[in-house]
Amino acid sequence: MEDLLSETEALGRLLEDHRGGEVRILDLRGMSGWTDFFVIATAASDAHMDGMERHLKDFCRERDIPILRKSTRPKAGLGTGLGPGDQWRIIDLGHAVIHLMTAKSREFYDLERLYA
C-alpha cells in the first residue's frame, strides 16, 4: 500500500511541477471501496489542462500504470472563455482518481470539503 501512496505523491509532484494550482491529495482509504486517493489540481486554462493531462499520460505510460477511464465534466457554457474545452477532467487510475479542474469548477464542487 505504501507503494501506491508514494506513486500518488509522485503524481501530485508532477502536477505541481507543471504548475497545477493548489494540488491536494485526499486519502480515501477506508472511506471508499472504489479508490484509495483523489489528486486534485487547478488548471489556469484549457491549454494548461491539456498539458497536465498529457504529462500524466506520459507518467503512466513510463510506469506501466493503466488508465482505466478518462472523462470530461461538465462542458463549458457559452461565454466562459473555455471554448471547446471543459471545466473538469477525471482520470481514473484505479488506486487514484485525478481531478483536473478550473478554479470556478473546483470552488463549486468543493471536493476537499465533501470528502473531509
PDB file of N, CA and C in Angstrom:
ATOM      1  N   MET A   1       0.819  -1.202   0.000  1.00  0.00           N
ATOM      2  CA  MET A   1       0.000   0.000   0.000  1.00  0.00           C
ATOM      3  C   MET A   1       0.858   1.260   0.000  1.00  0.00           C
ATOM      4  N   GLU A   2       2.018   1.206   0.647  1.00  0.00           N
ATOM      5  CA  GLU A   2       2.909   2.368   0.663  1.00  0.00           C
ATOM      6  C   GLU A   2       3.414   2.691  -0.741  1.00  0.00           C
ATOM      7  N   ASP A   3       3.568   1.673  -1.597  1.00  0.00           N
ATOM      8  CA  ASP A   3       3.973   1.929  -2.979  1.00  0.00           C
ATOM      9  C   ASP A   3       2.923   2.769  -3.692  1.00  0.00           C
ATOM     10  N   LEU A   4       1.648   2.476  -3.420  1.00  0.00           N
ATOM     11  CA  LEU A   4       0.573   3.254  -4.036  1.00  0.00           C
ATOM     12  C   LEU A   4       0.570   4.686  -3.520  1.00  0.00           C
ATOM     13  N   LEU A   5       0.858   4.862  -2.230  1.00  0.00           N
ATOM     14  CA  LEU A   5       0.925   6.208  -1.667  1.00  0.00           C
ATOM     15  C   LEU A   5       2.085   6.980  -2.291  1.00  0.00           C
ATOM     16  N   SER A   6       3.259   6.373  -2.397  1.00  0.00           N
ATOM     17  CA  SER A   6       4.408   7.082  -2.970  1.00  0.00           C
ATOM     18  C   SER A   6       4.180   7.382  -4.452  1.00  0.00           C
ATOM     19  N   GLU A   7       3.512   6.472  -5.150  1.00  0.00           N
ATOM     20  CA  GLU A   7       3.182   6.720  -6.555  1.00  0.00           C
ATOM     21  C   GLU A   7       2.201   7.885  -6.673  1.00  0.00           C
ATOM     22  N   THR A   8       1.231   7.935  -5.772  1.00  0.00           N
ATOM     23  CA  THR A   8       0.252   9.021  -5.775  1.00  0.00           C
ATOM     24  C   THR A   8       0.921  10.348  -5.439  1.00  0.00           C
ATOM     25  N   GLU A   9       1.844  10.334  -4.494  1.00  0.00           N
ATOM     26  CA  GLU A   9       2.592  11.551  -4.166  1.00  0.00           C
ATOM     27  C   GLU A   9       3.418  12.011  -5.362  1.00  0.00           C
ATOM     28  N   ALA A  10       3.972  11.069  -6.123  1.00  0.00           N
ATOM     29  CA  ALA A  10       4.729  11.422  -7.331  1.00  0.00           C
ATOM     30  C   ALA A  10       3.807  12.062  -8.366  1.00  0.00           C
ATOM     31  N   LEU A  11       2.580  11.581  -8.473  1.00  0.00           N
ATOM     32  CA  LEU A  11       1.603  12.204  -9.369  1.00  0.00           C
ATOM     33  C   LEU A  11       1.323  13.644  -8.935  1.00  0.00           C
ATOM     34  N   GLY A  12       1.178  13.862  -7.632  1.00  0.00           N
ATOM     35  CA  GLY A  12       0.956  15.215  -7.109  1.00  0.00           C
ATOM     36  C   GLY A  12       2.126  16.135  -7.421  1.00  0.00           C
ATOM     37  N   ARG A  13       3.349  15.634  -7.240  1.00  0.00           N
ATOM     38  CA  ARG A  13       4.541  16.448  -7.555  1.00  0.00           C
ATOM     39  C   ARG A  13       4.600  16.772  -9.045  1.00  0.00           C
ATOM     40  N   LEU A  14       4.225  15.808  -9.885  1.00  0.00           N
ATOM     41  CA  LEU A  14       4.207  16.045 -11.323  1.00  0.00           C
ATOM     42  C   LEU A  14       3.273  17.208 -11.662  1.00  0.00           C
ATOM     43  N   LEU A  15       2.094  17.207 -11.074  1.00  0.00           N
ATOM     44  CA  LEU A  15       1.148  18.297 -11.331  1.00  0.00           C
ATOM     45  C   LEU A  15       1.678  19.624 -10.807  1.00  0.00           C
ATOM     46  N   GLU A  16       2.309  19.616  -9.639  1.00  0.00           N
ATOM     47  CA  GLU A  16       2.922  20.836  -9.106  1.00  0.00           C
ATOM     48  C   GLU A  16       4.035  21.324 -10.028  1.00  0.00           C
ATOM     49  N   ASP A  17       4.857  20.399 -10.529  1.00  0.00           N
ATOM     50  CA  ASP A  17       5.951  20.759 -11.433  1.00  0.00           C
ATOM     51  C   ASP A  17       5.441  21.404 -12.715  1.00  0.00           C
ATOM     52  N   HIS A  18       4.219  21.063 -13.100  1.00  0.00           N
ATOM     53  CA  HIS A  18       3.633  21.628 -14.309  1.00  0.00           C
ATOM     54  C   HIS A  18       2.583  22.677 -13.973  1.00  0.00           C
ATOM     55  N   ARG A  19       2.808  23.325 -12.839  1.00  0.00           N
ATOM     56  CA  ARG A  19       2.055  24.495 -12.391  1.00  0.00           C
ATOM     57  C   ARG A  19       0.578  24.255 -12.118  1.00  0.00           C
ATOM     58  N   GLY A  20       0.256  23.030 -11.727  1.00  0.00           N
ATOM     59  CA  GLY A  20      -1.096  22.771 -11.252  1.00  0.00           C
ATOM     60  C   GLY A  20      -1.290  23.560  -9.968  1.00  0.00           C
ATOM     61  N   GLY A  21      -2.385  24.240  -9.847  1.00  0.00           N
ATOM     62  CA  GLY A  21      -2.643  25.063  -8.675  1.00  0.00           C
ATOM     63  C   GLY A  21      -3.224  24.265  -7.527  1.00  0.00           C
ATOM     64  N   GLU A  22      -2.814  24.616  -6.313  1.00  0.00           N
ATOM     65  CA  GLU A  22      -3.377  24.045  -5.088  1.00  0.00           C
ATOM     66  C   GLU A  22      -3.527  22.524  -5.167  1.00  0.00           C
ATOM     67  N   VAL A  23      -2.458  21.835  -5.510  1.00  0.00           N
ATOM     68  CA  VAL A  23      -2.507  20.378  -5.637  1.00  0.00           C
ATOM     69  C   VAL A  23      -2.744  19.771  -4.253  1.00  0.00           C
ATOM     70  N   ARG A  24      -3.754  18.927  -4.162  1.00  0.00           N
ATOM     71  CA  ARG A  24      -4.099  18.258  -2.907  1.00  0.00           C
ATOM     72  C   ARG A  24      -4.263  16.767  -3.164  1.00  0.00           C
ATOM     73  N   ILE A  25      -3.806  15.981  -2.201  1.00  0.00           N
ATOM     74  CA  ILE A  25      -4.021  14.533  -2.227  1.00  0.00           C
ATOM     75  C   ILE A  25      -4.939  14.213  -1.058  1.00  0.00           C
ATOM     76  N   LEU A  26      -6.074  13.611  -1.363  1.00  0.00           N
ATOM     77  CA  LEU A  26      -7.012  13.198  -0.328  1.00  0.00           C
ATOM     78  C   LEU A  26      -6.873  11.692  -0.143  1.00  0.00           C
ATOM     79  N   ASP A  27      -6.637  11.272   1.076  1.00  0.00           N
ATOM     80  CA  ASP A  27      -6.505   9.854   1.402  1.00  0.00           C
ATOM     81  C   ASP A  27      -7.901   9.314   1.718  1.00  0.00           C
ATOM     82  N   LEU A  28      -8.410   8.474   0.837  1.00  0.00           N
ATOM     83  CA  LEU A  28      -9.760   7.942   0.986  1.00  0.00           C
ATOM     84  C   LEU A  28      -9.761   6.481   1.440  1.00  0.00           C
ATOM     85  N   ARG A  29      -8.589   5.978   1.808  1.00  0.00           N
ATOM     86  CA  ARG A  29      -8.528   4.587   2.262  1.00  0.00           C
ATOM     87  C   ARG A  29      -9.440   4.422   3.474  1.00  0.00           C
ATOM     88  N   GLY A  30     -10.277   3.418   3.401  1.00  0.00           N
ATOM     89  CA  GLY A  30     -11.228   3.183   4.475  1.00  0.00           C
ATOM     90  C   GLY A  30     -12.528   3.949   4.309  1.00  0.00           C
ATOM     91  N   MET A  31     -12.571   4.922   3.395  1.00  0.00           N
ATOM     92  CA  MET A  31     -13.785   5.707   3.151  1.00  0.00           C
ATOM     93  C   MET A  31     -14.468   5.299   1.854  1.00  0.00           C
ATOM     94  N   SER A  32     -13.683   4.738   0.945  1.00  0.00           N
ATOM     95  CA  SER A  32     -14.194   4.442  -0.382  1.00  0.00           C
ATOM     96  C   SER A  32     -13.810   3.017  -0.770  1.00  0.00           C
ATOM     97  N   GLY A  33     -14.722   2.322  -1.409  1.00  0.00           N
ATOM     98  CA  GLY A  33     -14.436   0.982  -1.878  1.00  0.00           C
ATOM     99  C   GLY A  33     -13.937   0.946  -3.309  1.00  0.00           C
ATOM    100  N   TRP A  34     -13.894   2.106  -3.966  1.00  0.00           N
ATOM    101  CA  TRP A  34     -13.529   2.110  -5.384  1.00  0.00           C
ATOM    102  C   TRP A  34     -12.233   2.840  -5.691  1.00  0.00           C
ATOM    103  N   THR A  35     -11.664   3.578  -4.745  1.00  0.00           N
ATOM    104  CA  THR A  35     -10.358   4.209  -4.941  1.00  0.00           C
ATOM    105  C   THR A  35      -9.735   4.499  -3.574  1.00  0.00           C
ATOM    106  N   ASP A  36      -8.430   4.691  -3.583  1.00  0.00           N
ATOM    107  CA  ASP A  36      -7.727   4.993  -2.339  1.00  0.00           C
ATOM    108  C   ASP A  36      -7.397   6.473  -2.185  1.00  0.00           C
ATOM    109  N   PHE A  37      -7.207   7.167  -3.316  1.00  0.00           N
ATOM    110  CA  PHE A  37      -6.767   8.559  -3.269  1.00  0.00           C
ATOM    111  C   PHE A  37      -7.457   9.392  -4.340  1.00  0.00           C
ATOM    112  N   PHE A  38      -7.688  10.653  -4.019  1.00  0.00           N
ATOM    113  CA  PHE A  38      -8.012  11.683  -5.000  1.00  0.00           C
ATOM    114  C   PHE A  38      -6.785  12.585  -5.090  1.00  0.00           C
ATOM    115  N   VAL A  39      -6.444  12.974  -6.295  1.00  0.00           N
ATOM    116  CA  VAL A  39      -5.437  14.014  -6.510  1.00  0.00           C
ATOM    117  C   VAL A  39      -6.163  15.123  -7.257  1.00  0.00           C
ATOM    118  N   ILE A  40      -6.169  16.310  -6.680  1.00  0.00           N
ATOM    119  CA  ILE A  40      -6.926  17.435  -7.238  1.00  0.00           C
ATOM    120  C   ILE A  40      -5.954  18.560  -7.567  1.00  0.00           C
ATOM    121  N   ALA A  41      -6.101  19.136  -8.765  1.00  0.00           N
ATOM    122  CA  ALA A  41      -5.260  20.266  -9.172  1.00  0.00           C
ATOM    123  C   ALA A  41      -6.099  21.244  -9.984  1.00  0.00           C
ATOM    124  N   THR A  42      -5.773  22.506  -9.846  1.00  0.00           N
ATOM    125  CA  THR A  42      -6.457  23.559 -10.592  1.00  0.00           C
ATOM    126  C   THR A  42      -5.658  23.912 -11.830  1.00  0.00           C
ATOM    127  N   ALA A  43      -6.356  24.008 -12.960  1.00  0.00           N
ATOM    128  CA  ALA A  43      -5.752  24.409 -14.228  1.00  0.00           C
ATOM    129  C   ALA A  43      -6.118  25.858 -14.517  1.00  0.00           C
ATOM    130  N   ALA A  44      -5.162  26.602 -15.057  1.00  0.00           N
ATOM    131  CA  ALA A  44      -5.373  28.021 -15.338  1.00  0.00           C
ATOM    132  C   ALA A  44      -6.138  28.252 -16.637  1.00  0.00           C
ATOM    133  N   SER A  45      -6.096  27.280 -17.541  1.00  0.00           N
ATOM    134  CA  SER A  45      -6.749  27.432 -18.841  1.00  0.00           C
ATOM    135  C   SER A  45      -6.969  26.056 -19.450  1.00  0.00           C
ATOM    136  N   ASP A  46      -7.684  26.028 -20.558  1.00  0.00           N
ATOM    137  CA  ASP A  46      -7.910  24.776 -21.267  1.00  0.00           C
ATOM    138  C   ASP A  46      -6.585  24.187 -21.767  1.00  0.00           C
ATOM    139  N   ALA A  47      -5.714  25.043 -22.294  1.00  0.00           N
ATOM    140  CA  ALA A  47      -4.410  24.569 -22.769  1.00  0.00           C
ATOM    141  C   ALA A  47      -3.576  24.020 -21.619  1.00  0.00           C
ATOM    142  N   HIS A  48      -3.640  24.660 -20.472  1.00  0.00           N
ATOM    143  CA  HIS A  48      -2.925  24.188 -19.287  1.00  0.00           C
ATOM    144  C   HIS A  48      -3.447  22.821 -18.862  1.00  0.00           C
ATOM    145  N   MET A  49      -4.773  22.650 -18.891  1.00  0.00           N
ATOM    146  CA  MET A  49      -5.371  21.369 -18.537  1.00  0.00           C
ATOM    147  C   MET A  49      -4.918  20.283 -19.515  1.00  0.00           C
ATOM    148  N   ASP A  50      -4.896  20.616 -20.814  1.00  0.00           N
ATOM    149  CA  ASP A  50      -4.408  19.672 -21.831  1.00  0.00           C
ATOM    150  C   ASP A  50      -2.973  19.248 -21.538  1.00  0.00           C
ATOM    151  N   GLY A  51      -2.130  20.210 -21.185  1.00  0.00           N
ATOM    152  CA  GLY A  51      -0.728  19.921 -20.908  1.00  0.00           C
ATOM    153  C   GLY A  51      -0.557  19.030 -19.688  1.00  0.00           C
ATOM    154  N   MET A  52      -1.282  19.321 -18.618  1.00  0.00           N
ATOM    155  CA  MET A  52      -1.179  18.486 -17.422  1.00  0.00           C
ATOM    156  C   MET A  52      -1.654  17.062 -17.719  1.00  0.00           C
ATOM    157  N   GLU A  53      -2.723  16.954 -18.483  1.00  0.00           N
ATOM    158  CA  GLU A  53      -3.224  15.618 -18.839  1.00  0.00           C
ATOM    159  C   GLU A  53      -2.187  14.855 -19.673  1.00  0.00           C
ATOM    160  N   ARG A  54      -1.557  15.536 -20.595  1.00  0.00           N
ATOM    161  CA  ARG A  54      -0.526  14.907 -21.434  1.00  0.00           C
ATOM    162  C   ARG A  54       0.641  14.405 -20.572  1.00  0.00           C
ATOM    163  N   HIS A  55       1.077  15.214 -19.613  1.00  0.00           N
ATOM    164  CA  HIS A  55       2.174  14.801 -18.732  1.00  0.00           C
ATOM    165  C   HIS A  55       1.759  13.626 -17.842  1.00  0.00           C
ATOM    166  N   LEU A  56       0.511  13.618 -17.393  1.00  0.00           N
ATOM    167  CA  LEU A  56       0.012  12.487 -16.613  1.00  0.00           C
ATOM    168  C   LEU A  56       0.019  11.200 -17.439  1.00  0.00           C
ATOM    169  N   LYS A  57      -0.428  11.304 -18.682  1.00  0.00           N
ATOM    170  CA  LYS A  57      -0.435  10.126 -19.560  1.00  0.00           C
ATOM    171  C   LYS A  57       0.983   9.610 -19.790  1.00  0.00           C
ATOM    172  N   ASP A  58       1.927  10.516 -20.009  1.00  0.00           N
ATOM    173  CA  ASP A  58       3.330  10.106 -20.185  1.00  0.00           C
ATOM    174  C   ASP A  58       3.854   9.418 -18.939  1.00  0.00           C
ATOM    175  N   PHE A  59       3.559   9.984 -17.771  1.00  0.00           N
ATOM    176  CA  PHE A  59       3.968   9.408 -16.488  1.00  0.00           C
ATOM    177  C   PHE A  59       3.441   7.980 -16.365  1.00  0.00           C
ATOM    178  N   CYS A  60       2.169   7.802 -16.667  1.00  0.00           N
ATOM    179  CA  CYS A  60       1.545   6.475 -16.559  1.00  0.00           C
ATOM    180  C   CYS A  60       2.131   5.492 -17.563  1.00  0.00           C
ATOM    181  N   ARG A  61       2.354   5.947 -18.763  1.00  0.00           N
ATOM    182  CA  ARG A  61       2.932   5.073 -19.796  1.00  0.00           C
ATOM    183  C   ARG A  61       4.332   4.619 -19.386  1.00  0.00           C
ATOM    184  N   GLU A  62       5.149   5.529 -18.876  1.00  0.00           N
ATOM    185  CA  GLU A  62       6.518   5.200 -18.460  1.00  0.00           C
ATOM    186  C   GLU A  62       6.550   4.202 -17.314  1.00  0.00           C
ATOM    187  N   ARG A  63       5.515   4.187 -16.488  1.00  0.00           N
ATOM    188  CA  ARG A  63       5.488   3.317 -15.303  1.00  0.00           C
ATOM    189  C   ARG A  63       4.514   2.153 -15.445  1.00  0.00           C
ATOM    190  N   ASP A  64       3.986   1.956 -16.650  1.00  0.00           N
ATOM    191  CA  ASP A  64       3.022   0.877 -16.908  1.00  0.00           C
ATOM    192  C   ASP A  64       1.817   0.934 -15.978  1.00  0.00           C
ATOM    193  N   ILE A  65       1.321   2.133 -15.743  1.00  0.00           N
ATOM    194  CA  ILE A  65       0.114   2.322 -14.936  1.00  0.00           C
ATOM    195  C   ILE A  65      -1.054   2.468 -15.913  1.00  0.00           C
ATOM    196  N   PRO A  66      -1.990   1.539 -15.884  1.00  0.00           N
ATOM    197  CA  PRO A  66      -3.112   1.647 -16.823  1.00  0.00           C
ATOM    198  C   PRO A  66      -4.064   2.781 -16.444  1.00  0.00           C
ATOM    199  N   ILE A  67      -4.532   3.494 -17.444  1.00  0.00           N
ATOM    200  CA  ILE A  67      -5.591   4.484 -17.246  1.00  0.00           C
ATOM    201  C   ILE A  67      -6.896   3.739 -17.493  1.00  0.00           C
ATOM    202  N   LEU A  68      -7.675   3.565 -16.441  1.00  0.00           N
ATOM    203  CA  LEU A  68      -8.894   2.773 -16.528  1.00  0.00           C
ATOM    204  C   LEU A  68     -10.013   3.519 -17.236  1.00  0.00           C
ATOM    205  N   ARG A  69     -10.068   4.817 -16.994  1.00  0.00           N
ATOM    206  CA  ARG A  69     -11.126   5.610 -17.610  1.00  0.00           C
ATOM    207  C   ARG A  69     -10.758   7.072 -17.538  1.00  0.00           C
ATOM    208  N   LYS A  70     -11.172   7.799 -18.561  1.00  0.00           N
ATOM    209  CA  LYS A  70     -10.971   9.239 -18.595  1.00  0.00           C
ATOM    210  C   LYS A  70     -12.295   9.852 -19.004  1.00  0.00           C
ATOM    211  N   SER A  71     -12.742  10.853 -18.272  1.00  0.00           N
ATOM    212  CA  SER A  71     -13.986  11.511 -18.635  1.00  0.00           C
ATOM    213  C   SER A  71     -13.846  13.011 -18.488  1.00  0.00           C
ATOM    214  N   THR A  72     -14.778  13.701 -19.054  1.00  0.00           N
ATOM    215  CA  THR A  72     -14.797  15.154 -19.035  1.00  0.00           C
ATOM    216  C   THR A  72     -16.154  15.614 -18.538  1.00  0.00           C
ATOM    217  N   ARG A  73     -16.163  16.503 -17.538  1.00  0.00           N
ATOM    218  CA  ARG A  73     -17.411  17.028 -16.999  1.00  0.00           C
ATOM    219  C   ARG A  73     -17.178  18.418 -16.461  1.00  0.00           C
ATOM    220  N   PRO A  74     -18.134  19.232 -16.326  1.00  0.00           N
ATOM    221  CA  PRO A  74     -19.173  19.450 -17.304  1.00  0.00           C
ATOM    222  C   PRO A  74     -18.633  20.320 -18.423  1.00  0.00           C
ATOM    223  N   LYS A  75     -19.240  20.318 -19.566  1.00  0.00           N
ATOM    224  CA  LYS A  75     -18.786  21.137 -20.685  1.00  0.00           C
ATOM    225  C   LYS A  75     -18.966  22.617 -20.365  1.00  0.00           C
ATOM    226  N   ALA A  76     -18.033  23.397 -20.850  1.00  0.00           N
ATOM    227  CA  ALA A  76     -18.098  24.846 -20.633  1.00  0.00           C
ATOM    228  C   ALA A  76     -19.275  25.426 -21.394  1.00  0.00           C
ATOM    229  N   GLY A  77     -19.909  26.402 -20.807  1.00  0.00           N
ATOM    230  CA  GLY A  77     -21.014  27.070 -21.472  1.00  0.00           C
ATOM    231  C   GLY A  77     -20.519  28.231 -22.314  1.00  0.00           C
ATOM    232  N   LEU A  78     -21.399  28.788 -23.100  1.00  0.00           N
ATOM    233  CA  LEU A  78     -21.040  29.938 -23.923  1.00  0.00           C
ATOM    234  C   LEU A  78     -20.620  31.089 -23.032  1.00  0.00           C
ATOM    235  N   GLY A  79     -19.606  31.802 -23.442  1.00  0.00           N
ATOM    236  CA  GLY A  79     -19.156  32.964 -22.700  1.00  0.00           C
ATOM    237  C   GLY A  79     -18.192  32.655 -21.569  1.00  0.00           C
ATOM    238  N   THR A  80     -17.775  31.407 -21.404  1.00  0.00           N
ATOM    239  CA  THR A  80     -16.861  31.080 -20.320  1.00  0.00           C
ATOM    240  C   THR A  80     -15.412  31.323 -20.707  1.00  0.00           C
ATOM    241  N   GLY A  81     -15.155  31.461 -22.017  1.00  0.00           N
ATOM    242  CA  GLY A  81     -13.789  31.655 -22.463  1.00  0.00           C
ATOM    243  C   GLY A  81     -13.030  30.352 -22.619  1.00  0.00           C
ATOM    244  N   LEU A  82     -13.683  29.241 -22.371  1.00  0.00           N
ATOM    245  CA  LEU A  82     -13.011  27.957 -22.479  1.00  0.00           C
ATOM    246  C   LEU A  82     -13.255  27.285 -23.823  1.00  0.00           C
ATOM    247  N   GLY A  83     -14.117  27.844 -24.642  1.00  0.00           N
ATOM    248  CA  GLY A  83     -14.342  27.299 -25.974  1.00  0.00           C
ATOM    249  C   GLY A  83     -14.747  25.845 -25.932  1.00  0.00           C
ATOM    250  N   PRO A  84     -14.058  25.006 -26.733  1.00  0.00           N
ATOM    251  CA  PRO A  84     -14.455  23.606 -26.831  1.00  0.00           C
ATOM    252  C   PRO A  84     -13.988  22.765 -25.645  1.00  0.00           C
ATOM    253  N   GLY A  85     -13.301  23.365 -24.728  1.00  0.00           N
ATOM    254  CA  GLY A  85     -12.739  22.629 -23.603  1.00  0.00           C
ATOM    255  C   GLY A  85     -13.763  22.291 -22.546  1.00  0.00           C
ATOM    256  N   ASP A  86     -13.286  22.082 -21.365  1.00  0.00           N
ATOM    257  CA  ASP A  86     -14.160  21.689 -20.280  1.00  0.00           C
ATOM    258  C   ASP A  86     -13.651  22.291 -18.982  1.00  0.00           C
ATOM    259  N   GLN A  87     -14.403  22.057 -17.920  1.00  0.00           N
ATOM    260  CA  GLN A  87     -14.047  22.619 -16.633  1.00  0.00           C
ATOM    261  C   GLN A  87     -13.550  21.575 -15.641  1.00  0.00           C
ATOM    262  N   TRP A  88     -13.651  20.287 -16.014  1.00  0.00           N
ATOM    263  CA  TRP A  88     -13.279  19.241 -15.069  1.00  0.00           C
ATOM    264  C   TRP A  88     -12.952  17.977 -15.836  1.00  0.00           C
ATOM    265  N   ARG A  89     -11.773  17.477 -15.656  1.00  0.00           N
ATOM    266  CA  ARG A  89     -11.385  16.197 -16.258  1.00  0.00           C
ATOM    267  C   ARG A  89     -11.057  15.219 -15.144  1.00  0.00           C
ATOM    268  N   ILE A  90     -11.522  14.010 -15.314  1.00  0.00           N
ATOM    269  CA  ILE A  90     -11.304  12.951 -14.335  1.00  0.00           C
ATOM    270  C   ILE A  90     -10.513  11.844 -15.025  1.00  0.00           C
ATOM    271  N   ILE A  91      -9.413  11.455 -14.397  1.00  0.00           N
ATOM    272  CA  ILE A  91      -8.580  10.380 -14.926  1.00  0.00           C
ATOM    273  C   ILE A  91      -8.488   9.317 -13.834  1.00  0.00           C
ATOM    274  N   ASP A  92      -9.051   8.150 -14.107  1.00  0.00           N
ATOM    275  CA  ASP A  92      -9.143   7.074 -13.126  1.00  0.00           C
ATOM    276  C   ASP A  92      -8.005   6.086 -13.326  1.00  0.00           C
ATOM    277  N   LEU A  93      -7.152   5.969 -12.313  1.00  0.00           N
ATOM    278  CA  LEU A  93      -6.043   5.019 -12.349  1.00  0.00           C
ATOM    279  C   LEU A  93      -6.316   3.817 -11.442  1.00  0.00           C
ATOM    280  N   GLY A  94      -7.507   3.717 -10.929  1.00  0.00           N
ATOM    281  CA  GLY A  94      -7.857   2.634 -10.015  1.00  0.00           C
ATOM    282  C   GLY A  94      -7.561   3.028  -8.588  1.00  0.00           C
ATOM    283  N   HIS A  95      -6.305   2.993  -8.208  1.00  0.00           N
ATOM    284  CA  HIS A  95      -5.918   3.358  -6.835  1.00  0.00           C
ATOM    285  C   HIS A  95      -6.008   4.858  -6.590  1.00  0.00           C
ATOM    286  N   ALA A  96      -5.967   5.652  -7.659  1.00  0.00           N
ATOM    287  CA  ALA A  96      -6.047   7.107  -7.547  1.00  0.00           C
ATOM    288  C   ALA A  96      -6.917   7.651  -8.664  1.00  0.00           C
ATOM    289  N   VAL A  97      -7.709   8.655  -8.328  1.00  0.00           N
ATOM    290  CA  VAL A  97      -8.515   9.356  -9.319  1.00  0.00           C
ATOM    291  C   VAL A  97      -8.002  10.788  -9.359  1.00  0.00           C
ATOM    292  N   ILE A  98      -7.579  11.210 -10.557  1.00  0.00           N
ATOM    293  CA  ILE A  98      -7.017  12.542 -10.751  1.00  0.00           C
ATOM    294  C   ILE A  98      -8.139  13.473 -11.210  1.00  0.00           C
ATOM    295  N   HIS A  99      -8.257  14.624 -10.543  1.00  0.00           N
ATOM    296  CA  HIS A  99      -9.258  15.630 -10.901  1.00  0.00           C
ATOM    297  C   HIS A  99      -8.514  16.890 -11.337  1.00  0.00           C
ATOM    298  N   LEU A 100      -8.626  17.241 -12.610  1.00  0.00           N
ATOM    299  CA  LEU A 100      -8.086  18.496 -13.132  1.00  0.00           C
ATOM    300  C   LEU A 100      -9.280  19.417 -13.320  1.00  0.00           C
ATOM    301  N   MET A 101      -9.268  20.555 -12.624  1.00  0.00           N
ATOM    302  CA  MET A 101     -10.447  21.412 -12.588  1.00  0.00           C
ATOM    303  C   MET A 101     -10.071  22.873 -12.783  1.00  0.00           C
ATOM    304  N   THR A 102     -11.002  23.634 -13.339  1.00  0.00           N
ATOM    305  CA  THR A 102     -10.834  25.080 -13.340  1.00  0.00           C
ATOM    306  C   THR A 102     -11.086  25.569 -11.917  1.00  0.00           C
ATOM    307  N   ALA A 103     -10.650  26.775 -11.622  1.00  0.00           N
ATOM    308  CA  ALA A 103     -10.868  27.340 -10.284  1.00  0.00           C
ATOM    309  C   ALA A 103     -12.362  27.449  -9.986  1.00  0.00           C
ATOM    310  N   LYS A 104     -13.134  27.850 -10.983  1.00  0.00           N
ATOM    311  CA  LYS A 104     -14.577  28.008 -10.800  1.00  0.00           C
ATOM    312  C   LYS A 104     -15.236  26.661 -10.492  1.00  0.00           C
ATOM    313  N   SER A 105     -14.875  25.642 -11.236  1.00  0.00           N
ATOM    314  CA  SER A 105     -15.436  24.318 -11.019  1.00  0.00           C
ATOM    315  C   SER A 105     -14.995  23.748  -9.672  1.00  0.00           C
ATOM    316  N   ARG A 106     -13.743  23.965  -9.343  1.00  0.00           N
ATOM    317  CA  ARG A 106     -13.220  23.447  -8.067  1.00  0.00           C
ATOM    318  C   ARG A 106     -13.927  24.091  -6.887  1.00  0.00           C
ATOM    319  N   GLU A 107     -14.154  25.384  -6.979  1.00  0.00           N
ATOM    320  CA  GLU A 107     -14.860  26.084  -5.905  1.00  0.00           C
ATOM    321  C   GLU A 107     -16.302  25.585  -5.796  1.00  0.00           C
ATOM    322  N   PHE A 108     -16.954  25.396  -6.933  1.00  0.00           N
ATOM    323  CA  PHE A 108     -18.358  24.980  -6.933  1.00  0.00           C
ATOM    324  C   PHE A 108     -18.533  23.575  -6.349  1.00  0.00           C
ATOM    325  N   TYR A 109     -17.717  22.619  -6.788  1.00  0.00           N
ATOM    326  CA  TYR A 109     -17.876  21.228  -6.346  1.00  0.00           C
ATOM    327  C   TYR A 109     -17.208  20.953  -5.002  1.00  0.00           C
ATOM    328  N   ASP A 110     -16.171  21.679  -4.664  1.00  0.00           N
ATOM    329  CA  ASP A 110     -15.520  21.637  -3.348  1.00  0.00           C
ATOM    330  C   ASP A 110     -15.309  20.206  -2.832  1.00  0.00           C
ATOM    331  N   LEU A 111     -14.590  19.410  -3.626  1.00  0.00           N
ATOM    332  CA  LEU A 111     -14.340  18.015  -3.284  1.00  0.00           C
ATOM    333  C   LEU A 111     -13.607  17.855  -1.952  1.00  0.00           C
ATOM    334  N   GLU A 112     -12.714  18.782  -1.640  1.00  0.00           N
ATOM    335  CA  GLU A 112     -11.995  18.688  -0.366  1.00  0.00           C
ATOM    336  C   GLU A 112     -12.945  18.695   0.820  1.00  0.00           C
ATOM    337  N   ARG A 113     -13.931  19.561   0.794  1.00  0.00           N
ATOM    338  CA  ARG A 113     -14.898  19.630   1.886  1.00  0.00           C
ATOM    339  C   ARG A 113     -15.818  18.417   1.854  1.00  0.00           C
ATOM    340  N   LEU A 114     -16.237  18.024   0.662  1.00  0.00           N
ATOM    341  CA  LEU A 114     -17.150  16.893   0.515  1.00  0.00           C
ATOM    342  C   LEU A 114     -16.554  15.599   1.065  1.00  0.00           C
ATOM    343  N   TYR A 115     -15.246  15.407   0.851  1.00  0.00           N
ATOM    344  CA  TYR A 115     -14.580  14.173   1.290  1.00  0.00           C
ATOM    345  C   TYR A 115     -13.769  14.342   2.567  1.00  0.00           C
ATOM    346  N   ALA A 116     -13.928  15.464   3.258  1.00  0.00           N
ATOM    347  CA  ALA A 116     -13.175  15.694   4.506  1.00  0.00           C
ATOM    348  C   ALA A 116     -13.704  14.811   5.622  1.00  0.00           C
TER     349      ALA A 116
END
